[in-house]
């Protein structure tokens, strides 16, 4: 199981159901929608993939397969941008 760490140079601001990320190295901003924001908050709390998927399945009334795929896609994208480190 891959664990992801949020680098120290990433700042997150949580605003009514969404999250804005600032990468201090690149000076770029990223906007996360409600689902991505919930995943990010789980990562901030150092939850496992399974715990985050379980939490979001109930929160968004979605099936675990859909939530798991969204999780995998998001963390791969964030890692590729340097916003998460495996």
N, C-alpha and C. Protein backbone atom coordinates (compact mmCIF):
# COMPACT_ATOMS: atom_id res chain seq x y z
N UNK A 1 0.84 -1.18 0.00
CA UNK A 1 0.00 0.00 0.00
C UNK A 1 0.89 1.25 0.00
N UNK A 2 0.64 2.15 -0.91
CA UNK A 2 1.40 3.39 -1.00
C UNK A 2 0.83 4.42 -0.04
N UNK A 3 1.70 5.03 0.72
CA UNK A 3 1.29 6.14 1.59
C UNK A 3 1.81 7.42 0.95
N UNK A 4 1.02 8.45 1.04
CA UNK A 4 1.40 9.73 0.45
C UNK A 4 1.64 10.75 1.55
N UNK A 5 2.62 11.61 1.32
CA UNK A 5 2.96 12.66 2.25
C UNK A 5 2.78 14.00 1.54
N UNK A 6 2.23 14.95 2.25
CA UNK A 6 2.07 16.30 1.70
C UNK A 6 3.36 17.07 1.99
N UNK A 7 4.03 17.55 0.95
CA UNK A 7 5.28 18.31 1.17
C UNK A 7 5.03 19.57 2.01
N UNK A 8 6.06 19.97 2.72
CA UNK A 8 5.96 21.14 3.59
C UNK A 8 5.71 22.43 2.82
N UNK A 9 6.07 22.47 1.54
CA UNK A 9 5.92 23.70 0.78
C UNK A 9 4.57 23.80 0.06
N UNK A 10 3.61 22.98 0.47
CA UNK A 10 2.25 23.05 -0.07
C UNK A 10 1.33 23.59 1.01
N UNK A 11 0.65 24.67 0.71
CA UNK A 11 -0.30 25.28 1.64
C UNK A 11 -1.71 25.00 1.15
N UNK A 12 -2.59 24.58 2.05
CA UNK A 12 -3.99 24.31 1.70
C UNK A 12 -4.89 25.26 2.46
N UNK A 13 -5.84 25.84 1.74
CA UNK A 13 -6.87 26.68 2.35
C UNK A 13 -8.22 26.04 2.05
N UNK A 14 -8.95 25.72 3.11
CA UNK A 14 -10.25 25.06 2.95
C UNK A 14 -11.36 26.11 3.00
N UNK A 15 -12.16 26.13 1.95
CA UNK A 15 -13.25 27.10 1.82
C UNK A 15 -14.52 26.34 1.47
N UNK A 16 -15.58 26.56 2.15
CA UNK A 16 -16.90 25.98 1.89
C UNK A 16 -16.96 24.89 0.82
N UNK A 17 -16.49 23.69 1.17
CA UNK A 17 -16.62 22.56 0.28
C UNK A 17 -15.57 22.43 -0.80
N UNK A 18 -14.58 23.29 -0.80
CA UNK A 18 -13.51 23.18 -1.78
C UNK A 18 -12.19 23.54 -1.11
N UNK A 19 -11.10 23.25 -1.79
CA UNK A 19 -9.78 23.53 -1.24
C UNK A 19 -8.94 24.19 -2.32
N UNK A 20 -8.16 25.17 -1.91
CA UNK A 20 -7.21 25.83 -2.78
C UNK A 20 -5.82 25.45 -2.27
N UNK A 21 -4.98 24.93 -3.18
CA UNK A 21 -3.61 24.58 -2.84
C UNK A 21 -2.66 25.59 -3.45
N UNK A 22 -1.62 25.93 -2.72
CA UNK A 22 -0.57 26.80 -3.23
C UNK A 22 0.76 26.06 -3.10
N UNK A 23 1.44 25.91 -4.21
CA UNK A 23 2.76 25.31 -4.23
C UNK A 23 3.76 26.45 -4.16
N UNK A 24 4.45 26.57 -3.02
CA UNK A 24 5.37 27.67 -2.83
C UNK A 24 6.58 27.60 -3.75
N UNK A 25 6.94 26.40 -4.21
CA UNK A 25 8.09 26.28 -5.11
C UNK A 25 7.76 26.82 -6.50
N UNK A 26 6.60 26.43 -7.02
CA UNK A 26 6.25 26.85 -8.38
C UNK A 26 5.40 28.11 -8.42
N UNK A 27 4.88 28.51 -7.26
CA UNK A 27 3.97 29.68 -7.14
C UNK A 27 2.66 29.45 -7.90
N UNK A 28 2.25 28.19 -8.02
CA UNK A 28 1.01 27.86 -8.73
C UNK A 28 -0.08 27.52 -7.72
N UNK A 29 -1.30 27.91 -8.09
CA UNK A 29 -2.49 27.60 -7.31
C UNK A 29 -3.25 26.46 -7.97
N UNK A 30 -3.90 25.65 -7.15
CA UNK A 30 -4.73 24.55 -7.65
C UNK A 30 -6.06 24.58 -6.90
N UNK A 31 -7.13 24.37 -7.62
CA UNK A 31 -8.47 24.37 -7.05
C UNK A 31 -8.98 22.93 -7.00
N UNK A 32 -9.39 22.47 -5.82
CA UNK A 32 -9.95 21.13 -5.67
C UNK A 32 -11.45 21.24 -5.44
N UNK A 33 -12.23 20.45 -6.17
CA UNK A 33 -13.68 20.44 -5.99
C UNK A 33 -14.02 19.72 -4.68
N UNK A 34 -15.30 19.54 -4.40
CA UNK A 34 -15.74 18.97 -3.13
C UNK A 34 -15.19 17.57 -2.89
N UNK A 35 -15.23 16.72 -3.91
CA UNK A 35 -14.74 15.35 -3.75
C UNK A 35 -13.24 15.35 -3.53
N UNK A 36 -12.50 16.06 -4.37
CA UNK A 36 -11.05 16.13 -4.22
C UNK A 36 -10.66 16.76 -2.89
N UNK A 37 -11.43 17.75 -2.47
CA UNK A 37 -11.18 18.41 -1.19
C UNK A 37 -11.34 17.42 -0.03
N UNK A 38 -12.37 16.59 -0.08
CA UNK A 38 -12.59 15.60 0.97
C UNK A 38 -11.45 14.58 0.99
N UNK A 39 -10.96 14.20 -0.18
CA UNK A 39 -9.82 13.28 -0.24
C UNK A 39 -8.59 13.95 0.36
N UNK A 40 -8.34 15.20 -0.01
CA UNK A 40 -7.19 15.94 0.51
C UNK A 40 -7.24 16.02 2.03
N UNK A 41 -8.41 16.31 2.57
CA UNK A 41 -8.55 16.39 4.03
C UNK A 41 -8.23 15.05 4.69
N UNK A 42 -8.64 13.96 4.05
CA UNK A 42 -8.28 12.64 4.57
C UNK A 42 -6.78 12.41 4.55
N UNK A 43 -6.12 12.85 3.48
CA UNK A 43 -4.67 12.73 3.39
C UNK A 43 -3.99 13.59 4.46
N UNK A 44 -4.54 14.75 4.72
CA UNK A 44 -3.98 15.61 5.79
C UNK A 44 -4.08 14.91 7.14
N UNK A 45 -5.11 14.11 7.32
CA UNK A 45 -5.31 13.38 8.59
C UNK A 45 -4.57 12.05 8.59
N UNK A 46 -3.79 11.78 7.55
CA UNK A 46 -2.98 10.56 7.43
C UNK A 46 -3.83 9.30 7.42
N UNK A 47 -5.04 9.40 6.85
CA UNK A 47 -5.90 8.23 6.73
C UNK A 47 -5.41 7.35 5.59
N UNK A 48 -5.71 6.07 5.67
CA UNK A 48 -5.38 5.15 4.59
C UNK A 48 -6.34 5.35 3.43
N UNK A 49 -5.99 4.81 2.28
CA UNK A 49 -6.87 4.86 1.12
C UNK A 49 -8.22 4.26 1.48
N UNK A 50 -8.20 3.10 2.13
CA UNK A 50 -9.44 2.41 2.48
C UNK A 50 -10.31 3.25 3.41
N UNK A 51 -9.69 3.91 4.38
CA UNK A 51 -10.46 4.75 5.31
C UNK A 51 -11.07 5.94 4.59
N UNK A 52 -10.32 6.55 3.69
CA UNK A 52 -10.84 7.70 2.94
C UNK A 52 -11.98 7.26 2.03
N UNK A 53 -11.81 6.14 1.33
CA UNK A 53 -12.86 5.63 0.45
C UNK A 53 -14.11 5.32 1.25
N UNK A 54 -13.95 4.68 2.40
CA UNK A 54 -15.11 4.35 3.25
C UNK A 54 -15.83 5.62 3.71
N UNK A 55 -15.07 6.61 4.14
CA UNK A 55 -15.64 7.88 4.61
C UNK A 55 -16.40 8.59 3.49
N UNK A 56 -15.80 8.65 2.31
CA UNK A 56 -16.42 9.36 1.20
C UNK A 56 -17.61 8.62 0.61
N UNK A 57 -17.59 7.28 0.69
CA UNK A 57 -18.72 6.49 0.20
C UNK A 57 -19.99 6.91 0.93
N UNK A 58 -19.90 7.07 2.24
CA UNK A 58 -21.06 7.52 3.01
C UNK A 58 -21.37 8.99 2.82
N UNK A 59 -20.33 9.80 2.76
CA UNK A 59 -20.52 11.25 2.65
C UNK A 59 -21.19 11.64 1.32
N UNK A 60 -20.81 10.98 0.24
CA UNK A 60 -21.32 11.34 -1.07
C UNK A 60 -22.32 10.33 -1.63
N UNK A 61 -22.70 9.34 -0.80
CA UNK A 61 -23.66 8.32 -1.21
C UNK A 61 -23.27 7.73 -2.57
N UNK A 62 -22.03 7.27 -2.64
CA UNK A 62 -21.48 6.70 -3.88
C UNK A 62 -20.97 5.30 -3.59
N UNK A 63 -20.79 4.52 -4.64
CA UNK A 63 -20.28 3.17 -4.43
C UNK A 63 -18.77 3.20 -4.26
N UNK A 64 -18.21 2.23 -3.51
CA UNK A 64 -16.78 2.23 -3.22
C UNK A 64 -15.89 2.16 -4.47
N UNK A 65 -16.33 1.48 -5.51
CA UNK A 65 -15.53 1.40 -6.73
C UNK A 65 -15.34 2.76 -7.38
N UNK A 66 -16.40 3.54 -7.44
CA UNK A 66 -16.33 4.88 -8.02
C UNK A 66 -15.45 5.79 -7.19
N UNK A 67 -15.63 5.74 -5.87
CA UNK A 67 -14.83 6.57 -4.97
C UNK A 67 -13.36 6.15 -5.02
N UNK A 68 -13.11 4.85 -5.05
CA UNK A 68 -11.74 4.35 -5.12
C UNK A 68 -11.04 4.79 -6.39
N UNK A 69 -11.75 4.74 -7.50
CA UNK A 69 -11.17 5.19 -8.78
C UNK A 69 -10.87 6.68 -8.74
N UNK A 70 -11.78 7.47 -8.14
CA UNK A 70 -11.56 8.91 -8.02
C UNK A 70 -10.34 9.19 -7.13
N UNK A 71 -10.22 8.43 -6.06
CA UNK A 71 -9.06 8.58 -5.17
C UNK A 71 -7.77 8.30 -5.93
N UNK A 72 -7.72 7.16 -6.62
CA UNK A 72 -6.51 6.77 -7.34
C UNK A 72 -6.13 7.80 -8.40
N UNK A 73 -7.12 8.28 -9.15
CA UNK A 73 -6.86 9.28 -10.19
C UNK A 73 -6.32 10.57 -9.58
N UNK A 74 -6.94 11.00 -8.48
CA UNK A 74 -6.52 12.26 -7.87
C UNK A 74 -5.11 12.17 -7.31
N UNK A 75 -4.81 11.14 -6.55
CA UNK A 75 -3.47 11.08 -5.94
C UNK A 75 -2.39 10.92 -7.01
N UNK A 76 -2.68 10.23 -8.09
CA UNK A 76 -1.70 10.14 -9.18
C UNK A 76 -1.46 11.50 -9.81
N UNK A 77 -2.54 12.26 -10.02
CA UNK A 77 -2.41 13.59 -10.61
C UNK A 77 -1.66 14.53 -9.66
N UNK A 78 -2.03 14.50 -8.38
CA UNK A 78 -1.35 15.38 -7.41
C UNK A 78 0.12 15.02 -7.27
N UNK A 79 0.44 13.74 -7.27
CA UNK A 79 1.84 13.31 -7.18
C UNK A 79 2.62 13.75 -8.42
N UNK A 80 2.01 13.64 -9.58
CA UNK A 80 2.68 14.06 -10.82
C UNK A 80 2.97 15.56 -10.81
N UNK A 81 2.15 16.33 -10.12
CA UNK A 81 2.36 17.78 -10.02
C UNK A 81 3.26 18.17 -8.85
N UNK A 82 3.70 17.19 -8.07
CA UNK A 82 4.56 17.46 -6.93
C UNK A 82 3.82 17.89 -5.69
N UNK A 83 2.50 17.75 -5.67
CA UNK A 83 1.70 18.17 -4.53
C UNK A 83 1.57 17.09 -3.46
N UNK A 84 1.93 15.87 -3.82
CA UNK A 84 2.01 14.73 -2.89
C UNK A 84 3.29 13.98 -3.21
N UNK A 85 3.82 13.33 -2.19
CA UNK A 85 5.00 12.48 -2.40
C UNK A 85 4.71 11.09 -1.85
N UNK A 86 4.96 10.07 -2.68
CA UNK A 86 4.73 8.69 -2.18
C UNK A 86 5.80 8.30 -1.17
